[in-house]
Amino acid sequence: MTTYTNSAAFQVDHAETLDPLSYRVVQLAREEALRMGPPRGVLGRAWQWFVGNVDVARPLANPRLEMLRQFSTLVRLGNRQAEDLAQTMLNKGHYSAGQLGIARVLSQA
């Protein structure tokens, strides 16, 4: 069965979807990437210079989900290491190419 997701122009096969926990990890990574990215504005940069980077992400207990979190964060930040991590996740069989594609789209949204 094929459905449309968020009125997007692409179709998603139900076999290639993320489970609810993986979806939540991608959402968590998006929020973390916003905090980890460069500070916005003069006051933001001044505050970070004054107090340093106090937001450090703690690793998840599940290695598979931790790799997904790292992948989503790297995609969100535009880091090219995301592709290397995606290949590792595919090789280990953690996620399919379709699932990583969905995670990539959600991370960039």
C-alpha atoms as a PDB file:
ATOM      1  CA  MET A   1       0.000   0.000   0.000  1.00  0.00           C
ATOM      2  CA  THR A   2       1.279   3.455  -0.869  1.00  0.00           C
ATOM      3  CA  THR A   3       0.501   6.657   1.019  1.00  0.00           C
ATOM      4  CA  TYR A   4       1.452  10.273   0.700  1.00  0.00           C
ATOM      5  CA  THR A   5       3.324  11.801   3.588  1.00  0.00           C
ATOM      6  CA  ASN A   6       2.728  15.470   4.469  1.00  0.00           C
ATOM      7  CA  SER A   7       1.452  16.176   0.943  1.00  0.00           C
ATOM      8  CA  ALA A   8       4.995  15.613  -0.304  1.00  0.00           C
ATOM      9  CA  ALA A   9       5.644  14.861  -3.935  1.00  0.00           C
ATOM     10  CA  PHE A  10       7.117  11.465  -3.142  1.00  0.00           C
ATOM     11  CA  GLN A  11       5.432   8.218  -2.157  1.00  0.00           C
ATOM     12  CA  VAL A  12       6.419   6.115   0.828  1.00  0.00           C
ATOM     13  CA  ASP A  13       6.003   2.350   0.921  1.00  0.00           C
ATOM     14  CA  HIS A  14       4.856   1.155   4.355  1.00  0.00           C
ATOM     15  CA  ALA A  15       7.686  -1.401   4.412  1.00  0.00           C
ATOM     16  CA  GLU A  16      10.119   1.502   4.156  1.00  0.00           C
ATOM     17  CA  THR A  17       8.899   3.589   7.086  1.00  0.00           C
ATOM     18  CA  LEU A  18      10.506   4.331  10.418  1.00  0.00           C
ATOM     19  CA  ASP A  19       9.119   2.819  13.580  1.00  0.00           C
ATOM     20  CA  PRO A  20       7.805   5.352  16.153  1.00  0.00           C
ATOM     21  CA  LEU A  21      10.950   5.164  18.299  1.00  0.00           C
ATOM     22  CA  SER A  22      13.254   5.796  15.324  1.00  0.00           C
ATOM     23  CA  TYR A  23      11.026   8.668  14.245  1.00  0.00           C
ATOM     24  CA  ARG A  24      11.330  10.182  17.741  1.00  0.00           C
ATOM     25  CA  VAL A  25      15.130   9.821  17.610  1.00  0.00           C
ATOM     26  CA  VAL A  26      15.192  11.790  14.343  1.00  0.00           C
ATOM     27  CA  GLN A  27      13.087  14.513  15.966  1.00  0.00           C
ATOM     28  CA  LEU A  28      15.453  14.566  18.961  1.00  0.00           C
ATOM     29  CA  ALA A  29      18.443  14.898  16.623  1.00  0.00           C
ATOM     30  CA  ARG A  30      16.816  17.854  14.840  1.00  0.00           C
ATOM     31  CA  GLU A  31      16.372  19.635  18.171  1.00  0.00           C
ATOM     32  CA  GLU A  32      19.968  18.866  19.178  1.00  0.00           C
ATOM     33  CA  ALA A  33      21.308  20.123  15.851  1.00  0.00           C
ATOM     34  CA  LEU A  34      19.623  23.468  16.433  1.00  0.00           C
ATOM     35  CA  ARG A  35      21.435  23.799  19.761  1.00  0.00           C
ATOM     36  CA  MET A  36      24.749  22.540  18.354  1.00  0.00           C
ATOM     37  CA  GLY A  37      24.777  24.766  15.276  1.00  0.00           C
ATOM     38  CA  PRO A  38      26.450  28.122  15.220  1.00  0.00           C
ATOM     39  CA  PRO A  39      24.813  30.682  17.515  1.00  0.00           C
ATOM     40  CA  ARG A  40      22.606  33.225  15.838  1.00  0.00           C
ATOM     41  CA  GLY A  41      23.134  36.926  16.232  1.00  0.00           C
ATOM     42  CA  VAL A  42      25.671  38.980  18.116  1.00  0.00           C
ATOM     43  CA  LEU A  43      24.162  38.241  21.523  1.00  0.00           C
ATOM     44  CA  GLY A  44      24.108  34.498  20.832  1.00  0.00           C
ATOM     45  CA  ARG A  45      27.769  34.473  19.863  1.00  0.00           C
ATOM     46  CA  ALA A  46      28.684  36.632  22.859  1.00  0.00           C
ATOM     47  CA  TRP A  47      26.776  34.323  25.213  1.00  0.00           C
ATOM     48  CA  GLN A  48      28.478  31.230  23.804  1.00  0.00           C
ATOM     49  CA  TRP A  49      31.880  32.908  24.072  1.00  0.00           C
ATOM     50  CA  PHE A  50      31.120  33.779  27.705  1.00  0.00           C
ATOM     51  CA  VAL A  51      29.721  30.436  28.922  1.00  0.00           C
ATOM     52  CA  GLY A  52      31.091  28.039  26.299  1.00  0.00           C
ATOM     53  CA  ASN A  53      29.154  25.178  24.737  1.00  0.00           C
ATOM     54  CA  VAL A  54      27.229  23.716  27.682  1.00  0.00           C
ATOM     55  CA  ASP A  55      24.833  21.551  25.640  1.00  0.00           C
ATOM     56  CA  VAL A  56      26.521  18.195  25.140  1.00  0.00           C
ATOM     57  CA  ALA A  57      24.397  15.391  23.742  1.00  0.00           C
ATOM     58  CA  ARG A  58      24.457  12.198  25.771  1.00  0.00           C
ATOM     59  CA  PRO A  59      24.670   8.995  23.738  1.00  0.00           C
ATOM     60  CA  LEU A  60      21.618   6.769  23.574  1.00  0.00           C
ATOM     61  CA  ALA A  61      21.822   3.317  25.175  1.00  0.00           C
ATOM     62  CA  ASN A  62      20.826   1.531  21.964  1.00  0.00           C
ATOM     63  CA  PRO A  63      23.745   1.588  19.472  1.00  0.00           C
ATOM     64  CA  ARG A  64      21.403   1.332  16.460  1.00  0.00           C
ATOM     65  CA  LEU A  65      19.360   4.333  17.589  1.00  0.00           C
ATOM     66  CA  GLU A  66      22.511   6.245  18.535  1.00  0.00           C
ATOM     67  CA  MET A  67      23.832   5.842  14.992  1.00  0.00           C
ATOM     68  CA  LEU A  68      20.514   7.134  13.665  1.00  0.00           C
ATOM     69  CA  ARG A  69      20.713  10.138  16.003  1.00  0.00           C
ATOM     70  CA  GLN A  70      24.246  10.913  14.869  1.00  0.00           C
ATOM     71  CA  PHE A  71      23.262  10.490  11.216  1.00  0.00           C
ATOM     72  CA  SER A  72      20.275  12.820  11.558  1.00  0.00           C
ATOM     73  CA  THR A  73      22.324  15.423  13.405  1.00  0.00           C
ATOM     74  CA  LEU A  74      25.065  15.347  10.758  1.00  0.00           C
ATOM     75  CA  VAL A  75      22.484  15.649   7.970  1.00  0.00           C
ATOM     76  CA  ARG A  76      20.827  18.587   9.715  1.00  0.00           C
ATOM     77  CA  LEU A  77      24.187  20.347  10.139  1.00  0.00           C
ATOM     78  CA  GLY A  78      25.142  19.641   6.514  1.00  0.00           C
ATOM     79  CA  ASN A  79      28.156  17.553   7.484  1.00  0.00           C
ATOM     80  CA  ARG A  80      29.497  15.261   4.747  1.00  0.00           C
ATOM     81  CA  GLN A  81      30.342  12.572   7.303  1.00  0.00           C
ATOM     82  CA  ALA A  82      26.645  11.695   7.246  1.00  0.00           C
ATOM     83  CA  GLU A  83      27.148   9.743   4.018  1.00  0.00           C
ATOM     84  CA  ASP A  84      29.926   7.631   5.555  1.00  0.00           C
ATOM     85  CA  LEU A  85      27.746   6.895   8.559  1.00  0.00           C
ATOM     86  CA  ALA A  86      24.813   6.028   6.269  1.00  0.00           C
ATOM     87  CA  GLN A  87      26.990   3.497   4.457  1.00  0.00           C
ATOM     88  CA  THR A  88      28.034   1.966   7.780  1.00  0.00           C
ATOM     89  CA  MET A  89      24.404   1.693   8.871  1.00  0.00           C
ATOM     90  CA  LEU A  90      23.484   0.024   5.579  1.00  0.00           C
ATOM     91  CA  ASN A  91      26.392  -2.425   5.847  1.00  0.00           C
ATOM     92  CA  LYS A  92      25.387  -3.385   9.392  1.00  0.00           C
ATOM     93  CA  GLY A  93      21.770  -3.834   8.340  1.00  0.00           C
ATOM     94  CA  HIS A  94      20.456  -1.346  10.894  1.00  0.00           C
ATOM     95  CA  TYR A  95      18.271   0.475   8.369  1.00  0.00           C
ATOM     96  CA  SER A  96      17.384   0.137   4.699  1.00  0.00           C
ATOM     97  CA  ALA A  97      18.234   2.747   2.086  1.00  0.00           C
ATOM     98  CA  GLY A  98      14.589   3.803   2.017  1.00  0.00           C
ATOM     99  CA  GLN A  99      14.472   4.268   5.776  1.00  0.00           C
ATOM    100  CA  LEU A 100      17.646   6.348   5.709  1.00  0.00           C
ATOM    101  CA  GLY A 101      16.139   8.403   2.915  1.00  0.00           C
ATOM    102  CA  ILE A 102      13.117   9.111   5.077  1.00  0.00           C
ATOM    103  CA  ALA A 103      15.374  10.020   8.019  1.00  0.00           C
ATOM    104  CA  ARG A 104      17.366  12.317   5.725  1.00  0.00           C
ATOM    105  CA  VAL A 105      14.232  14.116   4.514  1.00  0.00           C
ATOM    106  CA  LEU A 106      12.873  14.477   8.056  1.00  0.00           C
ATOM    107  CA  SER A 107      16.225  15.761   9.302  1.00  0.00           C
ATOM    108  CA  GLN A 108      16.377  18.450   6.641  1.00  0.00           C
ATOM    109  CA  ALA A 109      12.768  19.580   7.057  1.00  0.00           C
END
